[in-house]
Amino acid sequence: MTDDELQAWVEHISLRDFGRPFLHKARFNGRLRSTGGRYFTHTHDIEISSRQLEAFGPEAVEKIIKHELCHYHLHLQKKGFRHRDKDFQELLRRVGGTRYCASLPGVRRRSEPYRYKLVCLSCRAEYLRKRKTDPRRYRCGVCRGRLALVPLVTSGTKPGR
């Protein structure tokens, strides 16, 4: 499918399900990995992951388009267009869009290993952390004791970045 076909498809869905025209650009972006699409508030353009179309078909992509069109139309109407806003949640439910897209096969979300450990000096409770924190700012959640920072050295990573 080409960007021109996607543009026509988005315009059709916008008129059919929202009763409003889509007056900006829609295009595919093959670099999107962890998201199905995105809406740009400064240009009002929409990008859709071409990988979602290849992996899950047009039904899944139509739901992603509806999701992005909810952002688009609510933003232009100066209503709550963010995921947490009630306007967005109601419109998404009404048009049948999806809140989340399926994860692409073979694409793993990269999770950093734990690199630091906070240890309570009183009860020896341990708290694993990915980022370095100042132990003076926190207390133990079990006994309210003081904490000490211990770097964890794992294979291939350095505690000091």
N, C-alpha and C. Protein backbone atom coordinates (compact mmCIF):
# COMPACT_ATOMS: atom_id res chain seq x y z
N MET A 1 0.85 -1.18 0.00
CA MET A 1 0.00 0.00 0.00
C MET A 1 0.90 1.24 0.00
N THR A 2 0.54 2.23 -0.77
CA THR A 2 1.33 3.46 -0.88
C THR A 2 0.82 4.51 0.10
N ASP A 3 1.59 5.58 0.25
CA ASP A 3 1.17 6.69 1.11
C ASP A 3 -0.10 7.36 0.58
N ASP A 4 -0.25 7.40 -0.74
CA ASP A 4 -1.46 8.00 -1.33
C ASP A 4 -2.69 7.16 -1.00
N GLU A 5 -2.55 5.84 -1.04
CA GLU A 5 -3.67 4.96 -0.68
C GLU A 5 -3.99 5.08 0.80
N LEU A 6 -2.96 5.21 1.63
CA LEU A 6 -3.18 5.42 3.07
C LEU A 6 -3.91 6.74 3.30
N GLN A 7 -3.50 7.79 2.59
CA GLN A 7 -4.14 9.10 2.73
C GLN A 7 -5.63 9.00 2.42
N ALA A 8 -5.97 8.33 1.31
CA ALA A 8 -7.38 8.17 0.93
C ALA A 8 -8.13 7.34 1.97
N TRP A 9 -7.50 6.32 2.51
CA TRP A 9 -8.10 5.45 3.52
C TRP A 9 -8.40 6.23 4.81
N VAL A 10 -7.42 7.05 5.25
CA VAL A 10 -7.61 7.86 6.46
C VAL A 10 -8.72 8.89 6.24
N GLU A 11 -8.75 9.52 5.07
CA GLU A 11 -9.81 10.49 4.77
C GLU A 11 -11.18 9.82 4.78
N HIS A 12 -11.27 8.60 4.25
CA HIS A 12 -12.53 7.86 4.22
C HIS A 12 -13.00 7.51 5.63
N ILE A 13 -12.09 7.00 6.45
CA ILE A 13 -12.44 6.63 7.83
C ILE A 13 -12.86 7.87 8.61
N SER A 14 -12.18 8.97 8.38
CA SER A 14 -12.49 10.21 9.09
C SER A 14 -13.92 10.68 8.79
N LEU A 15 -14.28 10.66 7.52
CA LEU A 15 -15.64 11.08 7.15
C LEU A 15 -16.69 10.08 7.62
N ARG A 16 -16.41 8.79 7.46
CA ARG A 16 -17.37 7.75 7.81
C ARG A 16 -17.62 7.66 9.32
N ASP A 17 -16.55 7.65 10.13
CA ASP A 17 -16.70 7.39 11.55
C ASP A 17 -16.73 8.63 12.42
N PHE A 18 -16.16 9.73 11.93
CA PHE A 18 -16.10 10.95 12.74
C PHE A 18 -16.99 12.05 12.19
N GLY A 19 -17.43 11.91 10.94
CA GLY A 19 -18.26 12.94 10.33
C GLY A 19 -17.51 14.23 10.07
N ARG A 20 -16.20 14.17 10.02
CA ARG A 20 -15.36 15.35 9.80
C ARG A 20 -14.25 15.00 8.81
N PRO A 21 -13.82 15.95 8.01
CA PRO A 21 -12.76 15.65 7.04
C PRO A 21 -11.38 15.63 7.71
N PHE A 22 -10.49 14.85 7.15
CA PHE A 22 -9.08 14.86 7.54
C PHE A 22 -8.35 15.71 6.51
N LEU A 23 -7.80 16.84 6.94
CA LEU A 23 -7.27 17.83 6.01
C LEU A 23 -5.74 17.90 6.00
N HIS A 24 -5.07 16.95 6.63
CA HIS A 24 -3.62 17.00 6.70
C HIS A 24 -3.02 15.75 6.07
N LYS A 25 -1.78 15.47 6.33
CA LYS A 25 -1.08 14.36 5.68
C LYS A 25 -1.07 13.11 6.55
N ALA A 26 -1.24 11.98 5.88
CA ALA A 26 -1.06 10.67 6.51
C ALA A 26 -0.01 9.92 5.70
N ARG A 27 0.92 9.27 6.41
CA ARG A 27 1.97 8.54 5.71
C ARG A 27 2.41 7.34 6.54
N PHE A 28 3.03 6.40 5.85
CA PHE A 28 3.61 5.25 6.53
C PHE A 28 4.99 5.60 7.04
N ASN A 29 5.38 4.95 8.15
CA ASN A 29 6.73 5.08 8.68
C ASN A 29 7.17 3.69 9.10
N GLY A 30 8.08 3.11 8.36
CA GLY A 30 8.56 1.76 8.64
C GLY A 30 9.50 1.67 9.82
N ARG A 31 9.92 2.83 10.36
CA ARG A 31 10.84 2.82 11.50
C ARG A 31 10.11 2.69 12.84
N LEU A 32 8.78 2.86 12.85
CA LEU A 32 8.04 2.74 14.11
C LEU A 32 8.05 1.29 14.56
N ARG A 33 8.54 1.05 15.77
CA ARG A 33 8.68 -0.32 16.25
C ARG A 33 7.78 -0.60 17.45
N SER A 34 7.74 0.32 18.40
CA SER A 34 7.01 0.06 19.63
C SER A 34 5.63 0.71 19.65
N THR A 35 5.26 1.36 18.55
CA THR A 35 3.95 2.01 18.48
C THR A 35 3.33 1.76 17.11
N GLY A 36 2.03 1.77 17.05
CA GLY A 36 1.35 1.53 15.79
C GLY A 36 1.21 2.77 14.94
N GLY A 37 1.23 3.92 15.58
CA GLY A 37 1.08 5.17 14.85
C GLY A 37 1.34 6.33 15.78
N ARG A 38 1.40 7.53 15.19
CA ARG A 38 1.55 8.71 16.02
C ARG A 38 0.94 9.91 15.34
N TYR A 39 0.48 10.84 16.19
CA TYR A 39 -0.14 12.08 15.74
C TYR A 39 0.77 13.23 16.17
N PHE A 40 1.06 14.13 15.23
CA PHE A 40 1.92 15.27 15.51
C PHE A 40 1.05 16.50 15.78
N THR A 41 1.14 17.05 16.99
CA THR A 41 0.30 18.19 17.35
C THR A 41 0.71 19.47 16.63
N HIS A 42 1.97 19.59 16.25
CA HIS A 42 2.41 20.84 15.61
C HIS A 42 2.07 20.89 14.12
N THR A 43 2.03 19.74 13.43
CA THR A 43 1.69 19.73 12.01
C THR A 43 0.33 19.10 11.73
N HIS A 44 -0.22 18.40 12.71
CA HIS A 44 -1.50 17.66 12.59
C HIS A 44 -1.40 16.47 11.63
N ASP A 45 -0.19 16.05 11.31
CA ASP A 45 -0.01 14.89 10.45
C ASP A 45 -0.08 13.61 11.28
N ILE A 46 -0.31 12.51 10.58
CA ILE A 46 -0.40 11.20 11.21
C ILE A 46 0.58 10.26 10.50
N GLU A 47 1.32 9.49 11.30
CA GLU A 47 2.16 8.43 10.76
C GLU A 47 1.66 7.09 11.26
N ILE A 48 1.66 6.11 10.37
CA ILE A 48 1.20 4.76 10.69
C ILE A 48 2.35 3.80 10.40
N SER A 49 2.53 2.82 11.27
CA SER A 49 3.59 1.83 11.10
C SER A 49 3.24 0.88 9.96
N SER A 50 4.09 0.84 8.95
CA SER A 50 3.85 -0.10 7.84
C SER A 50 4.06 -1.53 8.31
N ARG A 51 4.85 -1.71 9.37
CA ARG A 51 5.08 -3.05 9.91
C ARG A 51 3.81 -3.64 10.52
N GLN A 52 2.95 -2.79 11.08
CA GLN A 52 1.68 -3.27 11.64
C GLN A 52 0.79 -3.82 10.54
N LEU A 53 0.78 -3.14 9.39
CA LEU A 53 -0.02 -3.62 8.26
C LEU A 53 0.49 -4.96 7.78
N GLU A 54 1.80 -5.11 7.66
CA GLU A 54 2.38 -6.37 7.20
C GLU A 54 2.12 -7.51 8.18
N ALA A 55 2.22 -7.22 9.47
CA ALA A 55 2.12 -8.27 10.48
C ALA A 55 0.68 -8.63 10.84
N PHE A 56 -0.22 -7.64 10.90
CA PHE A 56 -1.55 -7.91 11.44
C PHE A 56 -2.71 -7.60 10.50
N GLY A 57 -2.44 -7.00 9.35
CA GLY A 57 -3.47 -6.79 8.35
C GLY A 57 -4.23 -5.48 8.50
N PRO A 58 -5.15 -5.24 7.54
CA PRO A 58 -5.85 -3.96 7.49
C PRO A 58 -6.82 -3.71 8.65
N GLU A 59 -7.38 -4.77 9.25
CA GLU A 59 -8.32 -4.58 10.36
C GLU A 59 -7.63 -3.93 11.55
N ALA A 60 -6.43 -4.42 11.88
CA ALA A 60 -5.68 -3.86 13.00
C ALA A 60 -5.24 -2.43 12.69
N VAL A 61 -4.83 -2.17 11.47
CA VAL A 61 -4.38 -0.83 11.10
C VAL A 61 -5.54 0.15 11.11
N GLU A 62 -6.73 -0.29 10.74
CA GLU A 62 -7.89 0.60 10.79
C GLU A 62 -8.16 1.06 12.21
N LYS A 63 -8.00 0.17 13.18
CA LYS A 63 -8.19 0.56 14.58
C LYS A 63 -7.11 1.55 15.02
N ILE A 64 -5.89 1.38 14.53
CA ILE A 64 -4.82 2.32 14.85
C ILE A 64 -5.12 3.68 14.23
N ILE A 65 -5.62 3.68 13.00
CA ILE A 65 -5.99 4.94 12.33
C ILE A 65 -7.08 5.65 13.13
N LYS A 66 -8.06 4.92 13.60
CA LYS A 66 -9.13 5.52 14.40
C LYS A 66 -8.56 6.13 15.68
N HIS A 67 -7.61 5.46 16.29
CA HIS A 67 -6.96 5.97 17.50
C HIS A 67 -6.28 7.32 17.20
N GLU A 68 -5.52 7.37 16.12
CA GLU A 68 -4.81 8.60 15.78
C GLU A 68 -5.78 9.70 15.35
N LEU A 69 -6.87 9.33 14.70
CA LEU A 69 -7.88 10.32 14.32
C LEU A 69 -8.60 10.89 15.54
N CYS A 70 -8.72 10.11 16.61
CA CYS A 70 -9.28 10.64 17.85
C CYS A 70 -8.39 11.76 18.38
N HIS A 71 -7.08 11.54 18.39
CA HIS A 71 -6.15 12.60 18.79
C HIS A 71 -6.34 13.82 17.90
N TYR A 72 -6.38 13.58 16.59
CA TYR A 72 -6.46 14.65 15.59
C TYR A 72 -7.70 15.51 15.78
N HIS A 73 -8.86 14.88 15.77
CA HIS A 73 -10.11 15.65 15.81
C HIS A 73 -10.31 16.35 17.16
N LEU A 74 -9.98 15.69 18.25
CA LEU A 74 -10.13 16.32 19.55
C LEU A 74 -9.16 17.49 19.73
N HIS A 75 -7.95 17.35 19.22
CA HIS A 75 -6.98 18.43 19.32
C HIS A 75 -7.45 19.65 18.54
N LEU A 76 -7.96 19.43 17.35
CA LEU A 76 -8.44 20.56 16.54
C LEU A 76 -9.69 21.21 17.14
N GLN A 77 -10.47 20.44 17.89
CA GLN A 77 -11.66 20.99 18.55
C GLN A 77 -11.33 21.59 19.92
N LYS A 78 -10.05 21.56 20.28
CA LYS A 78 -9.58 22.07 21.57
C LYS A 78 -10.23 21.34 22.74
N LYS A 79 -10.37 20.04 22.60
CA LYS A 79 -10.88 19.18 23.66
C LYS A 79 -9.73 18.31 24.16
N GLY A 80 -9.99 17.51 25.17
CA GLY A 80 -8.97 16.65 25.74
C GLY A 80 -8.55 15.56 24.76
N PHE A 81 -7.35 15.67 24.20
CA PHE A 81 -6.90 14.73 23.16
C PHE A 81 -5.85 13.74 23.67
N ARG A 82 -5.49 13.83 24.94
CA ARG A 82 -4.48 12.91 25.49
C ARG A 82 -5.15 11.62 25.94
N HIS A 83 -4.33 10.59 26.10
CA HIS A 83 -4.86 9.28 26.47
C HIS A 83 -5.64 9.31 27.77
N ARG A 84 -5.23 10.13 28.71
CA ARG A 84 -5.87 10.15 30.02
C ARG A 84 -7.17 10.95 30.06
N ASP A 85 -7.45 11.71 29.01
CA ASP A 85 -8.62 12.58 29.00
C ASP A 85 -9.90 11.80 28.72
N LYS A 86 -10.96 12.20 29.40
CA LYS A 86 -12.24 11.51 29.26
C LYS A 86 -12.79 11.66 27.84
N ASP A 87 -12.63 12.84 27.24
CA ASP A 87 -13.09 13.06 25.86
C ASP A 87 -12.46 12.04 24.92
N PHE A 88 -11.16 11.84 25.08
CA PHE A 88 -10.45 10.89 24.22
C PHE A 88 -10.96 9.47 24.43
N GLN A 89 -11.08 9.07 25.67
CA GLN A 89 -11.50 7.69 25.97
C GLN A 89 -12.91 7.42 25.46
N GLU A 90 -13.81 8.38 25.59
CA GLU A 90 -15.19 8.20 25.12
C GLU A 90 -15.25 8.12 23.60
N LEU A 91 -14.53 9.02 22.91
CA LEU A 91 -14.55 9.00 21.45
C LEU A 91 -13.91 7.72 20.92
N LEU A 92 -12.83 7.28 21.52
CA LEU A 92 -12.17 6.05 21.09
C LEU A 92 -13.11 4.86 21.22
N ARG A 93 -13.83 4.81 22.33
CA ARG A 93 -14.79 3.71 22.55
C ARG A 93 -15.93 3.79 21.52
N ARG A 94 -16.39 5.00 21.24
CA ARG A 94 -17.52 5.18 20.33
C ARG A 94 -17.19 4.77 18.89
N VAL A 95 -15.98 5.09 18.43
CA VAL A 95 -15.62 4.77 17.04
C VAL A 95 -15.01 3.39 16.88
N GLY A 96 -14.66 2.74 17.98
CA GLY A 96 -14.13 1.38 17.90
C GLY A 96 -12.64 1.32 17.63
N GLY A 97 -11.90 2.30 18.09
CA GLY A 97 -10.46 2.28 17.94
C GLY A 97 -9.83 1.44 19.03
N THR A 98 -8.54 1.20 18.90
CA THR A 98 -7.84 0.40 19.89
C THR A 98 -6.97 1.29 20.76
N ARG A 99 -6.88 0.95 22.02
CA ARG A 99 -6.04 1.72 22.94
C ARG A 99 -4.57 1.35 22.77
N TYR A 100 -4.29 0.07 22.55
CA TYR A 100 -2.93 -0.43 22.36
C TYR A 100 -2.87 -1.24 21.08
N CYS A 101 -1.72 -1.23 20.43
CA CYS A 101 -1.55 -2.10 19.27
C CYS A 101 -0.77 -3.33 19.70
N ALA A 102 -0.86 -4.38 18.91
CA ALA A 102 -0.16 -5.62 19.21
C ALA A 102 1.34 -5.43 19.00
N SER A 103 2.13 -6.12 19.79
CA SER A 103 3.58 -6.06 19.64
C SER A 103 4.00 -6.78 18.38
N LEU A 104 4.95 -6.21 17.69
CA LEU A 104 5.45 -6.82 16.47
C LEU A 104 6.24 -8.07 16.79
N PRO A 105 6.09 -9.12 15.98
CA PRO A 105 6.87 -10.32 16.24
C PRO A 105 8.36 -10.06 16.01
N GLY A 106 9.17 -10.56 16.92
CA GLY A 106 10.61 -10.39 16.80
C GLY A 106 11.14 -9.08 17.35
N VAL A 107 10.26 -8.17 17.76
CA VAL A 107 10.70 -6.90 18.32
C VAL A 107 10.50 -6.95 19.82
N ARG A 108 11.61 -6.91 20.54
CA ARG A 108 11.55 -6.93 21.99
C ARG A 108 11.75 -5.52 22.52
N ARG A 109 11.00 -5.19 23.54
CA ARG A 109 11.26 -3.91 24.20
C ARG A 109 12.50 -4.08 25.06
N ARG A 110 13.44 -3.19 24.86
CA ARG A 110 14.70 -3.29 25.56
C ARG A 110 14.54 -2.83 27.00
N SER A 111 14.90 -3.67 27.92
CA SER A 111 14.84 -3.33 29.32
C SER A 111 16.24 -3.32 29.89
N GLU A 112 16.60 -2.23 30.50
CA GLU A 112 17.93 -2.14 31.10
C GLU A 112 18.02 -3.06 32.30
N PRO A 113 19.17 -3.66 32.51
CA PRO A 113 19.32 -4.47 33.71
C PRO A 113 19.45 -3.57 34.94
N TYR A 114 19.16 -4.13 36.07
CA TYR A 114 19.36 -3.39 37.31
C TYR A 114 20.85 -3.16 37.50
N ARG A 115 21.23 -1.94 37.81
CA ARG A 115 22.64 -1.61 37.97
C ARG A 115 22.99 -1.16 39.39
N TYR A 116 21.99 -0.90 40.21
CA TYR A 116 22.24 -0.43 41.57
C TYR A 116 21.32 -1.14 42.54
N LYS A 117 21.77 -1.19 43.78
CA LYS A 117 20.96 -1.79 44.83
C LYS A 117 21.04 -0.88 46.04
N LEU A 118 19.87 -0.55 46.61
CA LEU A 118 19.82 0.17 47.88
C LEU A 118 19.60 -0.88 48.96
N VAL A 119 20.41 -0.84 49.99
CA VAL A 119 20.32 -1.82 51.08
C VAL A 119 20.06 -1.06 52.37
N CYS A 120 19.07 -1.53 53.14
CA CYS A 120 18.77 -0.92 54.43
C CYS A 120 19.86 -1.32 55.41
N LEU A 121 20.37 -0.35 56.13
CA LEU A 121 21.44 -0.61 57.09
C LEU A 121 20.91 -1.27 58.36
N SER A 122 19.59 -1.19 58.60
CA SER A 122 19.00 -1.79 59.80
C SER A 122 18.50 -3.21 59.57
N CYS A 123 17.58 -3.35 58.62
CA CYS A 123 16.92 -4.66 58.44
C CYS A 123 17.44 -5.43 57.22
N ARG A 124 18.36 -4.85 56.46
CA ARG A 124 18.96 -5.48 55.29
C ARG A 124 17.98 -5.71 54.12
N ALA A 125 16.88 -4.98 54.07
CA ALA A 125 15.97 -5.04 52.92
C ALA A 125 16.70 -4.48 51.70
N GLU A 126 16.43 -5.06 50.52
CA GLU A 126 17.11 -4.64 49.31
C GLU A 126 16.12 -4.06 48.30
N TYR A 127 16.54 -3.03 47.59
CA TYR A 127 15.73 -2.37 46.57
C TYR A 127 16.59 -2.24 45.32
N LEU A 128 16.19 -2.88 44.24
CA LEU A 128 16.95 -2.82 42.98
C LEU A 128 16.54 -1.58 42.19
N ARG A 129 17.51 -0.92 41.57
CA ARG A 129 17.27 0.29 40.80
C ARG A 129 18.05 0.25 39.50
N LYS A 130 17.45 0.79 38.45
CA LYS A 130 18.13 0.90 37.17
C LYS A 130 18.96 2.18 37.10
N ARG A 131 18.54 3.21 37.83
CA ARG A 131 19.26 4.48 37.83
C ARG A 131 19.87 4.74 39.20
N LYS A 132 20.95 5.49 39.18
CA LYS A 132 21.62 5.83 40.42
C LYS A 132 20.76 6.83 41.20
N THR A 133 20.56 6.58 42.48
CA THR A 133 19.76 7.47 43.30
C THR A 133 20.56 7.87 44.53
N ASP A 134 20.18 8.97 45.14
CA ASP A 134 20.83 9.46 46.35
C ASP A 134 20.18 8.79 47.55
N PRO A 135 20.88 7.90 48.25
CA PRO A 135 20.25 7.17 49.36
C PRO A 135 19.87 8.06 50.53
N ARG A 136 20.44 9.26 50.61
CA ARG A 136 20.08 10.17 51.72
C ARG A 136 18.66 10.71 51.57
N ARG A 137 18.12 10.65 50.36
CA ARG A 137 16.78 11.20 50.13
C ARG A 137 15.67 10.20 50.46
N TYR A 138 16.03 8.95 50.72
CA TYR A 138 15.03 7.91 50.91
C TYR A 138 15.26 7.15 52.21
N ARG A 139 14.21 6.46 52.67
CA ARG A 139 14.28 5.60 53.85
C ARG A 139 13.72 4.24 53.48
N CYS A 140 14.02 3.27 54.28
CA CYS A 140 13.53 1.91 54.06
C CYS A 140 12.01 1.87 54.20
N GLY A 141 11.35 1.16 53.30
CA GLY A 141 9.91 1.03 53.37
C GLY A 141 9.43 0.04 54.41
N VAL A 142 10.35 -0.76 54.95
CA VAL A 142 9.99 -1.76 55.96
C VAL A 142 10.15 -1.19 57.36
N CYS A 143 11.36 -0.64 57.64
CA CYS A 143 11.64 -0.23 59.02
C CYS A 143 11.98 1.26 59.16
N ARG A 144 11.95 2.00 58.07
CA ARG A 144 12.28 3.42 58.03
C ARG A 144 13.75 3.69 58.32
N GLY A 145 14.61 2.67 58.17
CA GLY A 145 16.04 2.81 58.41
C GLY A 145 16.75 3.51 57.26
N ARG A 146 18.03 3.85 57.49
CA ARG A 146 18.84 4.50 56.47
C ARG A 146 19.24 3.51 55.39
N LEU A 147 19.46 4.02 54.17
CA LEU A 147 19.82 3.18 53.03
C LEU A 147 21.25 3.45 52.59
N ALA A 148 21.86 2.43 52.00
CA ALA A 148 23.20 2.56 51.42
C ALA A 148 23.13 2.09 49.97
N LEU A 149 23.86 2.77 49.10
CA LEU A 149 23.86 2.45 47.67
C LEU A 149 25.01 1.48 47.37
N VAL A 150 24.66 0.37 46.71
CA VAL A 150 25.66 -0.63 46.33
C VAL A 150 25.58 -0.82 44.82
N PRO A 151 26.66 -0.53 44.07
CA PRO A 151 26.61 -0.76 42.62
C PRO A 151 26.65 -2.25 42.31
N LEU A 152 25.84 -2.66 41.36
CA LEU A 152 25.84 -4.04 40.88
C LEU A 152 26.63 -4.07 39.59
N VAL A 153 27.62 -4.91 39.48
CA VAL A 153 28.39 -5.03 38.25
C VAL A 153 27.90 -6.28 37.54
N THR A 154 27.21 -6.06 36.40
CA THR A 154 26.72 -7.18 35.60
C THR A 154 27.56 -7.29 34.35
N SER A 155 27.41 -8.37 33.64
CA SER A 155 28.23 -8.58 32.45
C SER A 155 27.94 -7.53 31.39
N GLY A 156 28.99 -6.86 30.97
CA GLY A 156 28.87 -5.92 29.86
C GLY A 156 28.42 -4.53 30.23
N THR A 157 28.10 -4.25 31.50
CA THR A 157 27.68 -2.90 31.86
C THR A 157 28.58 -2.37 32.96
N LYS A 158 28.73 -1.07 32.98
CA LYS A 158 29.50 -0.43 34.01
C LYS A 158 28.56 0.35 34.91
N PRO A 159 28.75 0.34 36.21
CA PRO A 159 27.86 1.08 37.10
C PRO A 159 27.87 2.58 36.86
N GLY A 160 28.96 3.15 36.42
CA GLY A 160 29.04 4.60 36.28
C GLY A 160 28.61 5.13 34.93
N ARG A 161 28.03 4.34 34.08
CA ARG A 161 27.62 4.70 32.71
C ARG A 161 28.80 5.04 31.89
